[in-house]
Amino acid sequence: MKPFLYELAEKLYREHPHPENVTVVFPNRRASLYFRKYFSQIIEKPVFSPRLITVEEFISAYSTLQVPDKLELIHRLYKAYRTVTHTEEQFDRFYFWGEMLIRDFDEVDKYMVNAPLLFQDLSNQKELDSRFDFLTPEQLEFLREFWGNFDGKDGATKNKFLNLWRQLPDVYEEFKKQLKHEGLAYEGLIHREVAEAFASGTIKAESSPHYAPETWFVGFNALTGAEEKILTWFVDNTQSKIHWDLDDYYLNNKTQEAGEFFREYQSHAVLGKTFEANAPVNFSLKKNMQVVGAAQPVGQAKIMAQLLEQELANGMIPEETLIVLPDEKLMLPVLHGISASVDK
């Protein structure tokens, strides 16, 4: 069985005599490195490589805003926070809170959520029932339980939480305004602005230095709201293609959660056209499995090191081997075990 990226490299080389006219967009840099490796193995004569970039690089190229380091972002958020709340809280005490807020704001923009609605005070039961009738019963119950703890009847901490929550939309807007004034942004803000610019027609595909006559989006699964809008625009308005890494085993079986997003995109008016008629059936191929018992977690790491050494001696390729751990605490013992068997 050939790896997904190897098959795509073959397809690109077979269909494009001039691969430099193709931009291939990946979810992360690691995938692009493997694609480059496979492509170099396939070519039979010197050719110019296609442009291989990450989705972050692809989207950021359509914006003039720059993403500073995390510390600078948190400090600028701190200034916006103090402007809105008029608090005298020190930066060292704000840092952890600010780190969480930036992650939240990043998610808000990547999924193109209505921030004022998200940060609304929903402690009023009637308001919750009337404004969020589109949520599932489970989601509504979660919100009721959350806001049930903030009924305002007791506690200074609860009142402080509610006051901060009510001011978050203003902090969010002030933070974005200050960043844009300095030509800066966090990733989510860039994603949202680029998605909105494509939707409004104020930006053209050719304005990016990564633009090529044809763009391939490769290996995506759960798209953010902004990514979905951007990919949809490119498929609908340019010679762009999406190559999904999927399998019939979980795509066409609704009990398999791994195929949930793929099944959703199949019913999409534009993205649905990018799915091939027949999905690969690699998961149904016979597998060779072996179960080895171990008394303690560290014992698992030691046995793994022994098995790894045996497999390497039998010709196993390290970079095509995946080790999945049940507990992150095993990471260091496993790395120590690997170092005894692998030179580099």
C-alpha atoms as a PDB file:
ATOM      1  CA  MET A   1       0.000   0.000   0.000  1.00  0.00           C
ATOM      2  CA  LYS A   2       1.421   3.389  -1.013  1.00  0.00           C
ATOM      3  CA  PRO A   3       1.234   6.334   1.386  1.00  0.00           C
ATOM      4  CA  PHE A   4      -1.400   8.966   0.583  1.00  0.00           C
ATOM      5  CA  LEU A   5       1.223  11.643  -0.107  1.00  0.00           C
ATOM      6  CA  TYR A   6       3.199   9.304  -2.368  1.00  0.00           C
ATOM      7  CA  GLU A   7       0.088   8.644  -4.468  1.00  0.00           C
ATOM      8  CA  LEU A   8      -0.511  12.389  -4.751  1.00  0.00           C
ATOM      9  CA  ALA A   9       3.098  13.012  -5.785  1.00  0.00           C
ATOM     10  CA  GLU A  10       2.654  10.416  -8.530  1.00  0.00           C
ATOM     11  CA  LYS A  11      -0.599  12.032  -9.631  1.00  0.00           C
ATOM     12  CA  LEU A  12       0.945  15.498  -9.810  1.00  0.00           C
ATOM     13  CA  TYR A  13       3.970  14.291 -11.790  1.00  0.00           C
ATOM     14  CA  ARG A  14       1.739  12.299 -14.143  1.00  0.00           C
ATOM     15  CA  GLU A  15      -0.779  15.088 -14.804  1.00  0.00           C
ATOM     16  CA  HIS A  16       1.496  18.166 -14.819  1.00  0.00           C
ATOM     17  CA  PRO A  17       4.547  18.268 -17.107  1.00  0.00           C
ATOM     18  CA  HIS A  18       5.286  21.666 -15.493  1.00  0.00           C
ATOM     19  CA  PRO A  19       4.762  21.098 -11.737  1.00  0.00           C
ATOM     20  CA  GLU A  20       6.016  24.596 -10.945  1.00  0.00           C
ATOM     21  CA  ASN A  21       2.581  25.814 -12.086  1.00  0.00           C
ATOM     22  CA  VAL A  22       0.942  24.112  -9.098  1.00  0.00           C
ATOM     23  CA  THR A  23       0.779  25.307  -5.482  1.00  0.00           C
ATOM     24  CA  VAL A  24       0.204  22.514  -2.958  1.00  0.00           C
ATOM     25  CA  VAL A  25      -1.212  23.616   0.413  1.00  0.00           C
ATOM     26  CA  PHE A  26      -0.834  21.348   3.470  1.00  0.00           C
ATOM     27  CA  PRO A  27      -2.237  21.503   7.024  1.00  0.00           C
ATOM     28  CA  ASN A  28       1.317  21.532   8.451  1.00  0.00           C
ATOM     29  CA  ARG A  29       4.971  21.671   7.451  1.00  0.00           C
ATOM     30  CA  ARG A  30       5.671  18.018   8.223  1.00  0.00           C
ATOM     31  CA  ALA A  31       3.306  16.884   5.453  1.00  0.00           C
ATOM     32  CA  SER A  32       5.040  19.143   2.926  1.00  0.00           C
ATOM     33  CA  LEU A  33       8.444  17.663   3.814  1.00  0.00           C
ATOM     34  CA  TYR A  34       7.208  14.126   3.162  1.00  0.00           C
ATOM     35  CA  PHE A  35       5.543  15.192  -0.098  1.00  0.00           C
ATOM     36  CA  ARG A  36       8.825  16.754  -1.252  1.00  0.00           C
ATOM     37  CA  LYS A  37      10.688  13.558  -0.365  1.00  0.00           C
ATOM     38  CA  TYR A  38       8.250  11.354  -2.328  1.00  0.00           C
ATOM     39  CA  PHE A  39       8.205  13.739  -5.293  1.00  0.00           C
ATOM     40  CA  SER A  40      12.017  13.643  -5.480  1.00  0.00           C
ATOM     41  CA  GLN A  41      11.873   9.826  -5.587  1.00  0.00           C
ATOM     42  CA  ILE A  42       9.379   9.813  -8.460  1.00  0.00           C
ATOM     43  CA  ILE A  43      10.832  12.328 -10.915  1.00  0.00           C
ATOM     44  CA  GLU A  44      12.917  10.880 -13.723  1.00  0.00           C
ATOM     45  CA  LYS A  45      14.546  14.102 -14.891  1.00  0.00           C
ATOM     46  CA  PRO A  46      15.297  17.549 -13.419  1.00  0.00           C
ATOM     47  CA  VAL A  47      12.122  19.604 -12.941  1.00  0.00           C
ATOM     48  CA  PHE A  48      11.088  22.691 -11.005  1.00  0.00           C
ATOM     49  CA  SER A  49       9.280  21.795  -7.799  1.00  0.00           C
ATOM     50  CA  PRO A  50       5.678  22.833  -7.158  1.00  0.00           C
ATOM     51  CA  ARG A  51       5.201  25.444  -4.437  1.00  0.00           C
ATOM     52  CA  LEU A  52       4.770  23.554  -1.151  1.00  0.00           C
ATOM     53  CA  ILE A  53       3.379  25.678   1.693  1.00  0.00           C
ATOM     54  CA  THR A  54       1.265  25.372   4.837  1.00  0.00           C
ATOM     55  CA  VAL A  55      -2.279  26.687   5.042  1.00  0.00           C
ATOM     56  CA  GLU A  56      -1.064  29.313   7.514  1.00  0.00           C
ATOM     57  CA  GLU A  57       1.479  30.623   4.997  1.00  0.00           C
ATOM     58  CA  PHE A  58      -1.122  30.476   2.235  1.00  0.00           C
ATOM     59  CA  ILE A  59      -3.686  32.569   4.129  1.00  0.00           C
ATOM     60  CA  SER A  60      -1.183  35.022   5.656  1.00  0.00           C
ATOM     61  CA  ALA A  61       0.118  35.909   2.183  1.00  0.00           C
ATOM     62  CA  TYR A  62      -3.219  37.626   1.484  1.00  0.00           C
ATOM     63  CA  SER A  63      -2.860  39.966   4.471  1.00  0.00           C
ATOM     64  CA  THR A  64      -0.555  42.883   5.239  1.00  0.00           C
ATOM     65  CA  LEU A  65      -0.815  42.201   8.978  1.00  0.00           C
ATOM     66  CA  GLN A  66       2.055  40.484  10.805  1.00  0.00           C
ATOM     67  CA  VAL A  67       1.862  38.076  13.756  1.00  0.00           C
ATOM     68  CA  PRO A  68       4.260  39.073  16.589  1.00  0.00           C
ATOM     69  CA  ASP A  69       5.522  36.671  19.263  1.00  0.00           C
ATOM     70  CA  LYS A  70       3.199  35.529  22.035  1.00  0.00           C
ATOM     71  CA  LEU A  71       4.676  37.774  24.736  1.00  0.00           C
ATOM     72  CA  GLU A  72       4.087  40.903  22.681  1.00  0.00           C
ATOM     73  CA  LEU A  73       0.520  39.831  21.908  1.00  0.00           C
ATOM     74  CA  ILE A  74      -0.234  39.279  25.594  1.00  0.00           C
ATOM     75  CA  HIS A  75       1.298  42.631  26.544  1.00  0.00           C
ATOM     76  CA  ARG A  76      -0.792  44.437  23.936  1.00  0.00           C
ATOM     77  CA  LEU A  77      -3.886  42.598  25.161  1.00  0.00           C
ATOM     78  CA  TYR A  78      -2.989  43.713  28.692  1.00  0.00           C
ATOM     79  CA  LYS A  79      -2.996  47.346  27.574  1.00  0.00           C
ATOM     80  CA  ALA A  80      -6.369  46.909  25.839  1.00  0.00           C
ATOM     81  CA  TYR A  81      -7.717  45.127  28.923  1.00  0.00           C
ATOM     82  CA  ARG A  82      -6.667  47.985  31.213  1.00  0.00           C
ATOM     83  CA  THR A  83      -8.109  50.574  28.818  1.00  0.00           C
ATOM     84  CA  VAL A  84     -11.528  48.919  28.906  1.00  0.00           C
ATOM     85  CA  THR A  85     -11.736  47.726  32.522  1.00  0.00           C
ATOM     86  CA  HIS A  86      -9.721  50.554  34.184  1.00  0.00           C
ATOM     87  CA  THR A  87      -8.128  47.922  36.408  1.00  0.00           C
ATOM     88  CA  GLU A  88      -4.759  48.269  38.132  1.00  0.00           C
ATOM     89  CA  GLU A  89      -3.987  44.540  37.914  1.00  0.00           C
ATOM     90  CA  GLN A  90      -0.274  43.870  37.418  1.00  0.00           C
ATOM     91  CA  PHE A  91       1.007  42.271  34.189  1.00  0.00           C
ATOM     92  CA  ASP A  92       2.505  39.224  35.913  1.00  0.00           C
ATOM     93  CA  ARG A  93      -0.889  38.386  37.425  1.00  0.00           C
ATOM     94  CA  PHE A  94      -2.644  39.029  34.102  1.00  0.00           C
ATOM     95  CA  TYR A  95      -0.285  36.887  31.997  1.00  0.00           C
ATOM     96  CA  PHE A  96      -1.984  33.503  32.488  1.00  0.00           C
ATOM     97  CA  TRP A  97      -5.454  35.009  32.024  1.00  0.00           C
ATOM     98  CA  GLY A  98      -4.251  36.881  28.932  1.00  0.00           C
ATOM     99  CA  GLU A  99      -2.805  33.703  27.417  1.00  0.00           C
ATOM    100  CA  MET A 100      -6.204  32.006  27.706  1.00  0.00           C
ATOM    101  CA  LEU A 101      -8.007  35.055  26.285  1.00  0.00           C
ATOM    102  CA  ILE A 102      -5.796  35.131  23.183  1.00  0.00           C
ATOM    103  CA  ARG A 103      -6.501  31.443  22.570  1.00  0.00           C
ATOM    104  CA  ASP A 104     -10.225  32.159  22.907  1.00  0.00           C
ATOM    105  CA  PHE A 105     -10.096  35.190  20.597  1.00  0.00           C
ATOM    106  CA  ASP A 106      -8.088  33.147  18.082  1.00  0.00           C
ATOM    107  CA  GLU A 107     -10.779  30.433  18.077  1.00  0.00           C
ATOM    108  CA  VAL A 108     -13.564  33.022  17.854  1.00  0.00           C
ATOM    109  CA  ASP A 109     -12.081  34.462  14.670  1.00  0.00           C
ATOM    110  CA  LYS A 110     -10.959  31.209  13.038  1.00  0.00           C
ATOM    111  CA  TYR A 111     -14.495  29.872  13.394  1.00  0.00           C
ATOM    112  CA  MET A 112     -15.981  33.297  12.519  1.00  0.00           C
ATOM    113  CA  VAL A 113     -18.133  33.390  15.650  1.00  0.00           C
ATOM    114  CA  ASN A 114     -20.202  36.442  16.608  1.00  0.00           C
ATOM    115  CA  ALA A 115     -18.094  37.634  19.572  1.00  0.00           C
ATOM    116  CA  PRO A 116     -20.690  39.906  21.263  1.00  0.00           C
ATOM    117  CA  LEU A 117     -23.210  37.071  21.168  1.00  0.00           C
ATOM    118  CA  LEU A 118     -20.665  34.557  22.476  1.00  0.00           C
ATOM    119  CA  PHE A 119     -19.651  36.699  25.456  1.00  0.00           C
ATOM    120  CA  GLN A 120     -23.186  37.661  26.364  1.00  0.00           C
ATOM    121  CA  ASP A 121     -24.376  37.330  29.954  1.00  0.00           C
ATOM    122  CA  LEU A 122     -26.743  34.372  29.720  1.00  0.00           C
ATOM    123  CA  SER A 123     -27.549  34.067  33.407  1.00  0.00           C
ATOM    124  CA  ASN A 124     -31.147  34.969  32.565  1.00  0.00           C
ATOM    125  CA  GLN A 125     -32.954  31.684  31.867  1.00  0.00           C
ATOM    126  CA  LYS A 126     -35.551  33.234  29.525  1.00  0.00           C
ATOM    127  CA  GLU A 127     -32.849  34.923  27.478  1.00  0.00           C
ATOM    128  CA  LEU A 128     -31.028  31.600  27.160  1.00  0.00           C
ATOM    129  CA  ASP A 129     -34.169  29.830  25.916  1.00  0.00           C
ATOM    130  CA  SER A 130     -35.140  32.523  23.400  1.00  0.00           C
ATOM    131  CA  ARG A 131     -31.764  33.379  21.857  1.00  0.00           C
ATOM    132  CA  PHE A 132     -30.258  29.922  21.547  1.00  0.00           C
ATOM    133  CA  ASP A 133     -33.149  27.839  20.283  1.00  0.00           C
ATOM    134  CA  PHE A 134     -30.858  26.514  17.506  1.00  0.00           C
ATOM    135  CA  LEU A 135     -28.686  24.577  19.985  1.00  0.00           C
ATOM    136  CA  THR A 136     -29.173  20.903  20.747  1.00  0.00           C
ATOM    137  CA  PRO A 137     -30.810  19.929  24.083  1.00  0.00           C
ATOM    138  CA  GLU A 138     -27.402  18.732  25.365  1.00  0.00           C
ATOM    139  CA  GLN A 139     -25.753  22.051  24.514  1.00  0.00           C
ATOM    140  CA  LEU A 140     -28.563  24.026  26.134  1.00  0.00           C
ATOM    141  CA  GLU A 141     -28.307  21.927  29.287  1.00  0.00           C
ATOM    142  CA  PHE A 142     -24.570  22.601  29.466  1.00  0.00           C
ATOM    143  CA  LEU A 143     -25.160  26.365  29.246  1.00  0.00           C
ATOM    144  CA  ARG A 144     -27.890  26.203  31.897  1.00  0.00           C
ATOM    145  CA  GLU A 145     -25.555  24.390  34.277  1.00  0.00           C
ATOM    146  CA  PHE A 146     -22.741  26.850  33.589  1.00  0.00           C
ATOM    147  CA  TRP A 147     -24.793  29.994  34.052  1.00  0.00           C
ATOM    148  CA  GLY A 148     -26.746  28.465  36.926  1.00  0.00           C
ATOM    149  CA  ASN A 149     -23.640  28.977  39.033  1.00  0.00           C
ATOM    150  CA  PHE A 150     -23.701  32.722  38.322  1.00  0.00           C
ATOM    151  CA  ASP A 151     -27.172  33.794  39.387  1.00  0.00           C
ATOM    152  CA  GLY A 152     -25.766  36.891  41.097  1.00  0.00           C
ATOM    153  CA  LYS A 153     -27.233  36.055  44.499  1.00  0.00           C
ATOM    154  CA  ASP A 154     -23.969  35.690  46.408  1.00  0.00           C
ATOM    155  CA  GLY A 155     -20.238  36.112  46.313  1.00  0.00           C
ATOM    156  CA  ALA A 156     -17.884  38.856  45.222  1.00  0.00           C
ATOM    157  CA  THR A 157     -16.015  36.392  42.992  1.00  0.00           C
ATOM    158  CA  LYS A 158     -19.163  35.639  41.006  1.00  0.00           C
ATOM    159  CA  ASN A 159     -19.886  39.332  40.555  1.00  0.00           C
ATOM    160  CA  LYS A 160     -16.307  39.960  39.435  1.00  0.00           C
ATOM    161  CA  PHE A 161     -16.563  37.116  36.923  1.00  0.00           C
ATOM    162  CA  LEU A 162     -19.814  38.481  35.477  1.00  0.00           C
ATOM    163  CA  ASN A 163     -18.439  42.021  35.252  1.00  0.00           C
ATOM    164  CA  LEU A 164     -15.367  40.772  33.392  1.00  0.00           C
ATOM    165  CA  TRP A 165     -17.486  38.570  31.129  1.00  0.00           C
ATOM    166  CA  ARG A 166     -19.730  41.495  30.193  1.00  0.00           C
ATOM    167  CA  GLN A 167     -16.700  43.584  29.216  1.00  0.00           C
ATOM    168  CA  LEU A 168     -15.048  40.917  27.063  1.00  0.00           C
ATOM    169  CA  PRO A 169     -16.696  42.111  23.806  1.00  0.00           C
ATOM    170  CA  ASP A 170     -15.210  45.580  24.423  1.00  0.00           C
ATOM    171  CA  VAL A 171     -11.792  44.093  25.289  1.00  0.00           C
ATOM    172  CA  TYR A 172     -11.966  41.999  22.108  1.00  0.00           C
ATOM    173  CA  GLU A 173     -12.785  45.012  19.913  1.00  0.00           C
ATOM    174  CA  GLU A 174     -10.234  47.300  21.581  1.00  0.00           C
ATOM    175  CA  PHE A 175      -7.510  44.646  21.252  1.00  0.00           C
ATOM    176  CA  LYS A 176      -8.200  44.190  17.531  1.00  0.00           C
ATOM    177  CA  LYS A 177      -8.290  47.950  16.961  1.00  0.00           C
ATOM    178  CA  GLN A 178      -4.926  48.502  18.644  1.00  0.00           C
ATOM    179  CA  LEU A 179      -3.313  45.598  16.780  1.00  0.00           C
ATOM    180  CA  LYS A 180      -4.552  46.735  13.366  1.00  0.00           C
ATOM    181  CA  HIS A 181      -3.351  50.268  14.053  1.00  0.00           C
ATOM    182  CA  GLU A 182       0.170  48.847  14.441  1.00  0.00           C
ATOM    183  CA  GLY A 183      -0.134  46.481  11.459  1.00  0.00           C
ATOM    184  CA  LEU A 184      -0.250  43.432  13.749  1.00  0.00           C
ATOM    185  CA  ALA A 185      -2.642  40.542  14.344  1.00  0.00           C
ATOM    186  CA  TYR A 186      -2.993  37.072  15.813  1.00  0.00           C
ATOM    187  CA  GLU A 187      -3.535  34.134  13.437  1.00  0.00           C
ATOM    188  CA  GLY A 188      -7.316  33.968  13.841  1.00  0.00           C
ATOM    189  CA  LEU A 189      -7.739  37.655  13.052  1.00  0.00           C
ATOM    190  CA  ILE A 190      -5.822  37.249   9.769  1.00  0.00           C
ATOM    191  CA  HIS A 191      -7.869  34.177   8.851  1.00  0.00           C
ATOM    192  CA  ARG A 192     -11.143  35.977   9.485  1.00  0.00           C
ATOM    193  CA  GLU A 193     -10.188  39.111   7.549  1.00  0.00           C
ATOM    194  CA  VAL A 194      -8.942  37.133   4.552  1.00  0.00           C
ATOM    195  CA  ALA A 195     -12.094  34.955   4.505  1.00  0.00           C
ATOM    196  CA  GLU A 196     -14.314  38.049   4.669  1.00  0.00           C
ATOM    197  CA  ALA A 197     -12.259  39.774   1.964  1.00  0.00           C
ATOM    198  CA  PHE A 198     -12.728  36.855  -0.441  1.00  0.00           C
ATOM    199  CA  ALA A 199     -16.447  36.731   0.353  1.00  0.00           C
ATOM    200  CA  SER A 200     -16.857  40.453  -0.355  1.00  0.00           C
ATOM    201  CA  GLY A 201     -14.752  40.374  -3.527  1.00  0.00           C
ATOM    202  CA  THR A 202     -12.180  42.885  -2.238  1.00  0.00           C
ATOM    203  CA  ILE A 203      -9.244  40.552  -2.802  1.00  0.00           C
ATOM    204  CA  LYS A 204      -8.017  38.535  -5.776  1.00  0.00           C
ATOM    205  CA  ALA A 205      -6.305  35.143  -5.854  1.00  0.00           C
ATOM    206  CA  GLU A 206      -3.486  36.592  -7.989  1.00  0.00           C
ATOM    207  CA  SER A 207      -2.465  39.039  -5.236  1.00  0.00           C
ATOM    208  CA  SER A 208      -0.492  36.367  -3.364  1.00  0.00           C
ATOM    209  CA  PRO A 209       3.161  35.554  -4.156  1.00  0.00           C
ATOM    210  CA  HIS A 210       2.167  31.886  -3.757  1.00  0.00           C
ATOM    211  CA  TYR A 211      -0.444  32.071  -6.503  1.00  0.00           C
ATOM    212  CA  ALA A 212      -0.190  29.484  -9.278  1.00  0.00           C
ATOM    213  CA  PRO A 213      -2.553  28.574 -12.135  1.00  0.00           C
ATOM    214  CA  GLU A 214      -3.701  25.581 -10.078  1.00  0.00           C
ATOM    215  CA  THR A 215      -3.854  25.066  -6.305  1.00  0.00           C
ATOM    216  CA  TRP A 216      -4.139  21.730  -4.507  1.00  0.00           C
ATOM    217  CA  PHE A 217      -5.391  21.607  -0.910  1.00  0.00           C
ATOM    218  CA  VAL A 218      -4.120  18.333   0.507  1.00  0.00           C
ATOM    219  CA  GLY A 219      -4.869  16.252   3.593  1.00  0.00           C
ATOM    220  CA  PHE A 220      -7.431  18.452   5.357  1.00  0.00           C
ATOM    221  CA  ASN A 221     -10.098  17.088   7.699  1.00  0.00           C
ATOM    222  CA  ALA A 222     -11.804  19.393  10.234  1.00  0.00           C
ATOM    223  CA  LEU A 223     -11.739  22.859   8.661  1.00  0.00           C
ATOM    224  CA  THR A 224     -12.237  26.000  10.706  1.00  0.00           C
ATOM    225  CA  GLY A 225     -14.998  28.341   9.581  1.00  0.00           C
ATOM    226  CA  ALA A 226     -12.490  30.665   7.906  1.00  0.00           C
ATOM    227  CA  GLU A 227     -10.657  27.810   6.159  1.00  0.00           C
ATOM    228  CA  GLU A 228     -13.951  26.420   4.885  1.00  0.00           C
ATOM    229  CA  LYS A 229     -14.919  29.770   3.346  1.00  0.00           C
ATOM    230  CA  ILE A 230     -11.481  30.294   1.777  1.00  0.00           C
ATOM    231  CA  LEU A 231     -11.250  26.779   0.301  1.00  0.00           C
ATOM    232  CA  THR A 232     -14.824  27.050  -0.955  1.00  0.00           C
ATOM    233  CA  TRP A 233     -14.009  30.323  -2.717  1.00  0.00           C
ATOM    234  CA  PHE A 234     -10.925  28.876  -4.407  1.00  0.00           C
ATOM    235  CA  VAL A 235     -12.716  25.736  -5.582  1.00  0.00           C
ATOM    236  CA  ASP A 236     -15.607  27.814  -6.881  1.00  0.00           C
ATOM    237  CA  ASN A 237     -13.599  30.590  -8.567  1.00  0.00           C
ATOM    238  CA  THR A 238     -10.226  29.133  -9.594  1.00  0.00           C
ATOM    239  CA  GLN A 239      -8.688  25.923 -10.879  1.00  0.00           C
ATOM    240  CA  SER A 240      -8.261  24.552  -7.370  1.00  0.00           C
ATOM    241  CA  LYS A 241      -8.712  21.000  -6.140  1.00  0.00           C
ATOM    242  CA  ILE A 242      -9.072  19.380  -2.732  1.00  0.00           C
ATOM    243  CA  HIS A 243      -7.558  15.962  -2.109  1.00  0.00           C
ATOM    244  CA  TRP A 244      -9.046  14.419   1.036  1.00  0.00           C
ATOM    245  CA  ASP A 245      -7.095  11.781   2.962  1.00  0.00           C
ATOM    246  CA  LEU A 246      -9.927   9.394   3.847  1.00  0.00           C
ATOM    247  CA  ASP A 247     -11.068   5.781   3.742  1.00  0.00           C
ATOM    248  CA  ASP A 248     -14.355   4.058   2.975  1.00  0.00           C
ATOM    249  CA  TYR A 249     -14.234   2.324   6.385  1.00  0.00           C
ATOM    250  CA  TYR A 250     -15.106   5.485   8.315  1.00  0.00           C
ATOM    251  CA  LEU A 251     -16.415   7.738   5.528  1.00  0.00           C
ATOM    252  CA  ASN A 252     -19.532   5.687   4.763  1.00  0.00           C
ATOM    253  CA  ASN A 253     -20.160   4.365   8.263  1.00  0.00           C
ATOM    254  CA  LYS A 254     -22.071   6.903  10.364  1.00  0.00           C
ATOM    255  CA  THR A 255     -21.074   5.165  13.592  1.00  0.00           C
ATOM    256  CA  GLN A 256     -17.441   6.132  12.903  1.00  0.00           C
ATOM    257  CA  GLU A 257     -16.729   9.587  14.309  1.00  0.00           C
ATOM    258  CA  ALA A 258     -13.568   9.923  12.213  1.00  0.00           C
ATOM    259  CA  GLY A 259     -15.720  10.477   9.124  1.00  0.00           C
ATOM    260  CA  GLU A 260     -18.088  13.055  10.641  1.00  0.00           C
ATOM    261  CA  PHE A 261     -16.548  16.127   9.027  1.00  0.00           C
ATOM    262  CA  PHE A 262     -16.043  14.383   5.682  1.00  0.00           C
ATOM    263  CA  ARG A 263     -19.726  13.416   5.580  1.00  0.00           C
ATOM    264  CA  GLU A 264     -20.645  17.012   6.382  1.00  0.00           C
ATOM    265  CA  TYR A 265     -18.482  18.354   3.539  1.00  0.00           C
ATOM    266  CA  GLN A 266     -19.952  15.785   1.137  1.00  0.00           C
ATOM    267  CA  SER A 267     -23.303  17.565   1.449  1.00  0.00           C
ATOM    268  CA  HIS A 268     -21.702  20.999   0.959  1.00  0.00           C
ATOM    269  CA  ALA A 269     -22.828  22.768  -2.206  1.00  0.00           C
ATOM    270  CA  VAL A 270     -19.248  23.394  -3.398  1.00  0.00           C
ATOM    271  CA  LEU A 271     -16.945  21.146  -1.371  1.00  0.00           C
ATOM    272  CA  GLY A 272     -19.164  18.136  -2.065  1.00  0.00           C
ATOM    273  CA  LYS A 273     -18.008  18.220  -5.698  1.00  0.00           C
ATOM    274  CA  THR A 274     -14.388  17.638  -4.641  1.00  0.00           C
ATOM    275  CA  PHE A 275     -14.990  14.085  -3.358  1.00  0.00           C
ATOM    276  CA  GLU A 276     -14.214  11.184  -5.667  1.00  0.00           C
ATOM    277  CA  ALA A 277     -16.954   8.674  -6.420  1.00  0.00           C
ATOM    278  CA  ASN A 278     -15.118   5.772  -4.776  1.00  0.00           C
ATOM    279  CA  ALA A 279     -13.140   6.204  -1.563  1.00  0.00           C
ATOM    280  CA  PRO A 280      -9.994   4.110  -0.904  1.00  0.00           C
ATOM    281  CA  VAL A 281     -10.525   0.863   1.020  1.00  0.00           C
ATOM    282  CA  ASN A 282      -7.098   0.549   2.651  1.00  0.00           C
ATOM    283  CA  PHE A 283      -8.549   0.069   6.146  1.00  0.00           C
ATOM    284  CA  SER A 284     -10.170  -3.168   5.015  1.00  0.00           C
ATOM    285  CA  LEU A 285      -6.868  -4.781   4.076  1.00  0.00           C
ATOM    286  CA  LYS A 286      -5.545  -7.555   6.305  1.00  0.00           C
ATOM    287  CA  LYS A 287      -3.356  -6.334   9.156  1.00  0.00           C
ATOM    288  CA  ASN A 288      -0.575  -7.959  11.109  1.00  0.00           C
ATOM    289  CA  MET A 289      -1.096  -7.323  14.829  1.00  0.00           C
ATOM    290  CA  GLN A 290       0.761  -8.549  17.899  1.00  0.00           C
ATOM    291  CA  VAL A 291      -0.172  -8.037  21.565  1.00  0.00           C
ATOM    292  CA  VAL A 292       2.538  -7.965  24.222  1.00  0.00           C
ATOM    293  CA  GLY A 293       1.772  -7.784  27.934  1.00  0.00           C
ATOM    294  CA  ALA A 294       3.587  -5.542  30.433  1.00  0.00           C
ATOM    295  CA  ALA A 295       3.054  -5.209  34.182  1.00  0.00           C
ATOM    296  CA  GLN A 296       3.807  -1.505  34.602  1.00  0.00           C
ATOM    297  CA  PRO A 297       3.812   1.606  32.352  1.00  0.00           C
ATOM    298  CA  VAL A 298       7.610   1.871  32.460  1.00  0.00           C
ATOM    299  CA  GLY A 299       7.728  -1.822  31.556  1.00  0.00           C
ATOM    300  CA  GLN A 300       5.838  -0.938  28.350  1.00  0.00           C
ATOM    301  CA  ALA A 301       8.554   1.556  27.432  1.00  0.00           C
ATOM    302  CA  LYS A 302      11.324  -0.997  28.067  1.00  0.00           C
ATOM    303  CA  ILE A 303       9.615  -3.724  26.031  1.00  0.00           C
ATOM    304  CA  MET A 304       8.977  -1.182  23.256  1.00  0.00           C
ATOM    305  CA  ALA A 305      12.714  -0.406  23.137  1.00  0.00           C
ATOM    306  CA  GLN A 306      13.531  -4.106  22.778  1.00  0.00           C
ATOM    307  CA  LEU A 307      10.928  -4.646  20.042  1.00  0.00           C
ATOM    308  CA  LEU A 308      12.090  -1.507  18.256  1.00  0.00           C
ATOM    309  CA  GLU A 309      15.673  -2.734  18.201  1.00  0.00           C
ATOM    310  CA  GLN A 310      14.548  -6.074  16.746  1.00  0.00           C
ATOM    311  CA  GLU A 311      12.409  -4.418  14.056  1.00  0.00           C
ATOM    312  CA  LEU A 312      15.170  -2.007  13.079  1.00  0.00           C
ATOM    313  CA  ALA A 313      17.514  -4.950  12.619  1.00  0.00           C
ATOM    314  CA  ASN A 314      14.882  -6.483  10.318  1.00  0.00           C
ATOM    315  CA  GLY A 315      14.829  -3.386   8.093  1.00  0.00           C
ATOM    316  CA  MET A 316      12.091  -1.240   9.622  1.00  0.00           C
ATOM    317  CA  ILE A 317      12.195   2.385   8.395  1.00  0.00           C
ATOM    318  CA  PRO A 318      12.215   4.718  11.440  1.00  0.00           C
ATOM    319  CA  GLU A 319      10.627   7.730   9.738  1.00  0.00           C
ATOM    320  CA  GLU A 320       7.683   5.619   8.599  1.00  0.00           C
ATOM    321  CA  THR A 321       7.056   4.266  12.100  1.00  0.00           C
ATOM    322  CA  LEU A 322       4.545   5.733  14.541  1.00  0.00           C
ATOM    323  CA  ILE A 323       4.598   5.183  18.315  1.00  0.00           C
ATOM    324  CA  VAL A 324       1.339   6.057  20.109  1.00  0.00           C
ATOM    325  CA  LEU A 325       1.541   6.412  23.899  1.00  0.00           C
ATOM    326  CA  PRO A 326      -1.346   5.898  26.370  1.00  0.00           C
ATOM    327  CA  ASP A 327       0.156   8.433  28.777  1.00  0.00           C
ATOM    328  CA  GLU A 328       2.276  11.520  28.066  1.00  0.00           C
ATOM    329  CA  LYS A 329       4.397  10.695  31.151  1.00  0.00           C
ATOM    330  CA  LEU A 330       5.889   7.856  29.119  1.00  0.00           C
ATOM    331  CA  MET A 331       7.366  10.283  26.575  1.00  0.00           C
ATOM    332  CA  LEU A 332      10.780  10.652  28.226  1.00  0.00           C
ATOM    333  CA  PRO A 333      11.265   6.920  28.997  1.00  0.00           C
ATOM    334  CA  VAL A 334      10.296   6.116  25.399  1.00  0.00           C
ATOM    335  CA  LEU A 335      12.652   8.730  23.947  1.00  0.00           C
ATOM    336  CA  HIS A 336      15.425   7.334  26.127  1.00  0.00           C
ATOM    337  CA  GLY A 337      14.667   3.833  24.809  1.00  0.00           C
ATOM    338  CA  ILE A 338      14.660   5.003  21.207  1.00  0.00           C
ATOM    339  CA  SER A 339      17.996   6.793  21.543  1.00  0.00           C
ATOM    340  CA  ALA A 340      19.723   3.484  22.256  1.00  0.00           C
ATOM    341  CA  SER A 341      18.511   2.000  18.935  1.00  0.00           C
ATOM    342  CA  VAL A 342      18.464   4.894  16.472  1.00  0.00           C
ATOM    343  CA  ASP A 343      21.549   6.874  15.463  1.00  0.00           C
ATOM    344  CA  LYS A 344      19.670   9.938  14.170  1.00  0.00           C
END
